């Protein structure tokens, strides 16, 4: 699923779904920060054609970097992901290579053959991630929208190192209250250093 993806961050009490904005697959995960008890629900998918924009959503371009290495969209993607599970050493090699070749990438992620995902914040994230991190052991390799949820975590001004857990929730339509303190999409992206031109 390459293309424009929108991630809404919801407060945990805003988990109930409202009217559907999504077309195709939707991934909902609960994400928590280390030591703070703070958590959000990330809901990612492609917006239905003709639907109103989600003003508080993290809108970005996500591209399957394994599908077509010569794809021109790779150069402008905010999120690059792989879909083929790899052993840890191979995943590290793939992530470091893809982020080095595509400096506008803010986040790259690939599933691990033993479970979970390995994620790496790219240079466009301005150091918000550190080295590659294993995340989301409970999220299957068939969920590339996870990379978009991780991108929204970075856009919120957090680092991958702060991520204590990522747990999948039931699939549902869009709705609910946005996370407290969320500001307009463009201001969040600019302050997080994730605006690419």
Protein backbone atom coordinates (compact mmCIF):
# COMPACT_ATOMS: atom_id res chain seq x y z
CA UNK A 1 0.00 0.00 0.00
CA UNK A 2 2.12 2.86 -1.28
CA UNK A 3 0.90 6.43 -1.49
CA UNK A 4 -0.66 9.09 0.68
CA UNK A 5 -1.38 7.88 4.22
CA UNK A 6 -3.05 9.75 7.06
CA UNK A 7 -2.53 8.87 10.72
CA UNK A 8 -4.84 10.24 13.39
CA UNK A 9 -3.66 10.22 16.97
CA UNK A 10 -6.53 9.69 19.40
CA UNK A 11 -6.68 9.94 23.17
CA UNK A 12 -7.27 6.48 24.72
CA UNK A 13 -10.75 7.52 25.88
CA UNK A 14 -11.51 8.56 22.27
CA UNK A 15 -11.13 4.97 21.08
CA UNK A 16 -14.77 4.64 20.01
CA UNK A 17 -15.16 4.86 16.25
CA UNK A 18 -17.20 7.45 14.42
CA UNK A 19 -18.00 7.97 10.73
CA UNK A 20 -15.69 6.17 8.30
CA UNK A 21 -13.13 8.25 6.37
CA UNK A 22 -10.94 5.36 5.29
CA UNK A 23 -10.75 3.28 2.15
CA UNK A 24 -8.93 -0.03 2.23
CA UNK A 25 -7.02 -1.38 5.23
CA UNK A 26 -6.90 0.52 8.51
CA UNK A 27 -4.46 -0.18 11.33
CA UNK A 28 -5.23 0.89 14.89
CA UNK A 29 -2.53 0.54 17.54
CA UNK A 30 -2.10 1.69 21.13
CA UNK A 31 1.31 3.31 21.66
CA UNK A 32 2.80 4.15 25.05
CA UNK A 33 5.77 6.18 26.22
CA UNK A 34 8.45 4.85 28.57
CA UNK A 35 7.93 5.80 32.20
CA UNK A 36 5.25 8.45 31.66
CA UNK A 37 2.12 6.37 31.37
CA UNK A 38 1.18 8.60 28.41
CA UNK A 39 -0.33 6.75 25.50
CA UNK A 40 -2.12 7.45 22.26
CA UNK A 41 -4.08 5.45 19.75
CA UNK A 42 -2.77 5.74 16.21
CA UNK A 43 -5.20 5.04 13.39
CA UNK A 44 -3.63 4.82 9.93
CA UNK A 45 -5.06 4.36 6.47
CA UNK A 46 -5.75 6.00 3.17
CA UNK A 47 -8.51 8.61 3.16
CA UNK A 48 -11.58 7.91 1.07
CA UNK A 49 -11.67 10.01 -2.12
CA UNK A 50 -13.85 13.09 -1.66
CA UNK A 51 -13.71 12.91 2.15
CA UNK A 52 -12.86 16.03 4.09
CA UNK A 53 -9.24 16.32 5.12
CA UNK A 54 -8.37 15.34 8.68
CA UNK A 55 -6.82 18.61 9.92
CA UNK A 56 -5.12 17.03 12.91
CA UNK A 57 -3.80 14.02 11.06
CA UNK A 58 -0.22 13.30 10.11
CA UNK A 59 -0.38 13.16 6.33
CA UNK A 60 2.63 11.72 4.54
CA UNK A 61 3.82 9.66 1.61
CA UNK A 62 4.59 6.01 2.42
CA UNK A 63 6.25 3.79 -0.18
CA UNK A 64 7.05 0.09 -0.26
CA UNK A 65 10.79 0.27 -0.92
CA UNK A 66 10.92 -3.40 -1.94
CA UNK A 67 8.23 -3.20 -4.61
CA UNK A 68 10.10 -1.08 -7.13
CA UNK A 69 13.59 0.11 -6.22
CA UNK A 70 13.60 2.43 -9.23
CA UNK A 71 10.29 4.06 -8.20
CA UNK A 72 10.70 7.86 -8.32
CA UNK A 73 8.40 8.23 -5.30
CA UNK A 74 11.13 6.72 -3.12
CA UNK A 75 13.09 9.98 -3.32
CA UNK A 76 10.27 12.04 -1.81
CA UNK A 77 8.76 9.49 0.60
CA UNK A 78 8.49 10.37 4.27
CA UNK A 79 8.10 6.68 5.18
CA UNK A 80 9.79 3.72 3.50
CA UNK A 81 8.90 0.20 4.47
CA UNK A 82 9.64 -3.38 3.55
CA UNK A 83 7.18 -6.26 3.65
CA UNK A 84 9.44 -9.30 3.56
CA UNK A 85 10.42 -10.44 7.09
CA UNK A 86 14.20 -10.53 7.57
CA UNK A 87 16.64 -11.77 10.20
CA UNK A 88 17.88 -8.93 12.45
CA UNK A 89 21.30 -8.46 10.79
CA UNK A 90 19.75 -8.36 7.33
CA UNK A 91 17.06 -5.93 8.54
CA UNK A 92 19.68 -3.55 9.96
CA UNK A 93 21.61 -3.67 6.69
CA UNK A 94 18.44 -3.01 4.65
CA UNK A 95 17.30 -0.10 6.87
CA UNK A 96 20.66 1.66 6.94
CA UNK A 97 21.01 1.26 3.18
CA UNK A 98 17.54 2.54 2.31
CA UNK A 99 17.78 5.57 4.64
CA UNK A 100 21.25 6.42 3.30
CA UNK A 101 20.01 6.30 -0.31
CA UNK A 102 16.91 8.38 0.49
CA UNK A 103 17.82 11.22 2.88
CA UNK A 104 14.31 12.74 2.76
CA UNK A 105 12.97 9.62 4.48
CA UNK A 106 11.97 10.34 8.08
CA UNK A 107 11.37 6.71 9.02
CA UNK A 108 12.01 3.26 7.58
CA UNK A 109 10.68 -0.02 8.97
CA UNK A 110 10.81 -3.70 8.06
CA UNK A 111 9.31 -6.81 9.72
CA UNK A 112 11.62 -9.24 11.48
CA UNK A 113 11.54 -12.97 10.77
CA UNK A 114 11.32 -13.72 14.51
CA UNK A 115 8.41 -11.30 15.06
CA UNK A 116 8.12 -7.58 15.54
CA UNK A 117 9.46 -4.79 13.37
CA UNK A 118 12.79 -3.02 13.16
CA UNK A 119 12.45 0.75 12.71
CA UNK A 120 15.01 3.46 12.03
CA UNK A 121 14.46 7.21 12.05
CA UNK A 122 16.06 8.64 8.92
CA UNK A 123 18.11 11.83 8.64
CA UNK A 124 14.94 13.86 7.94
CA UNK A 125 13.82 13.09 11.52
CA UNK A 126 16.83 15.04 12.84
CA UNK A 127 18.07 12.48 15.32
CA UNK A 128 14.74 11.57 16.89
CA UNK A 129 15.33 7.85 16.75
CA UNK A 130 18.88 6.82 17.50
CA UNK A 131 19.86 3.50 15.97
CA UNK A 132 17.52 0.82 14.70
CA UNK A 133 14.95 -0.27 17.32
CA UNK A 134 12.86 -3.39 17.59
CA UNK A 135 9.23 -2.34 18.10
CA UNK A 136 5.73 -3.76 17.93
CA UNK A 137 6.38 -7.44 18.63
CA UNK A 138 2.59 -7.96 18.58
CA UNK A 139 2.05 -6.42 15.14
CA UNK A 140 2.25 -8.88 12.27
CA UNK A 141 4.46 -8.56 9.19
CA UNK A 142 1.37 -7.99 7.04
CA UNK A 143 0.78 -4.53 8.57
CA UNK A 144 2.97 -2.00 6.71
CA UNK A 145 0.75 0.80 8.04
CA UNK A 146 2.70 0.34 11.29
CA UNK A 147 5.53 2.39 9.76
CA UNK A 148 3.08 5.28 9.29
CA UNK A 149 1.99 5.05 12.94
CA UNK A 150 5.64 5.23 13.99
CA UNK A 151 6.10 8.29 11.76
CA UNK A 152 3.20 10.00 13.56
CA UNK A 153 4.97 9.26 16.86
CA UNK A 154 8.03 11.14 15.56
CA UNK A 155 5.90 14.01 14.26
CA UNK A 156 4.46 14.40 17.77
CA UNK A 157 8.01 15.30 18.84
CA UNK A 158 8.84 11.95 20.41
CA UNK A 159 11.77 9.63 19.75
CA UNK A 160 11.63 5.93 18.94
CA UNK A 161 13.64 5.36 22.14
CA UNK A 162 10.65 6.68 24.14
CA UNK A 163 8.33 4.04 22.71
CA UNK A 164 7.57 1.47 25.41
CA UNK A 165 5.00 -0.59 23.49
CA UNK A 166 2.85 -0.80 20.38
CA UNK A 167 -0.22 -3.03 20.62
CA UNK A 168 -2.76 -3.63 17.87
CA UNK A 169 -6.41 -2.75 18.49
CA UNK A 170 -9.48 -3.97 16.70
CA UNK A 171 -10.04 -2.62 13.19
CA UNK A 172 -12.59 0.19 13.13
CA UNK A 173 -13.68 3.24 11.23
CA UNK A 174 -12.36 6.69 12.00
CA UNK A 175 -13.69 8.80 14.83
CA UNK A 176 -13.15 9.85 18.40
CA UNK A 177 -11.30 12.65 20.03
CA UNK A 178 -7.81 13.63 18.96
CA UNK A 179 -4.96 13.37 21.44
CA UNK A 180 -4.61 16.21 23.91
CA UNK A 181 -2.12 18.82 22.84
CA UNK A 182 -2.32 17.90 19.17
CA UNK A 183 -1.81 20.91 16.94
CA UNK A 184 -2.29 21.50 13.25
CA UNK A 185 -0.53 19.06 10.96
CA UNK A 186 1.76 21.55 9.29
CA UNK A 187 2.96 23.08 12.57
CA UNK A 188 3.73 19.64 14.02
CA UNK A 189 5.68 18.59 10.96
CA UNK A 190 7.65 21.84 10.90
CA UNK A 191 8.50 21.77 14.60
CA UNK A 192 9.54 18.13 14.36
CA UNK A 193 11.84 18.96 11.46
CA UNK A 194 9.99 16.55 9.19
CA UNK A 195 8.97 19.02 6.48
CA UNK A 196 10.59 18.07 3.21
CA UNK A 197 10.56 20.13 0.06
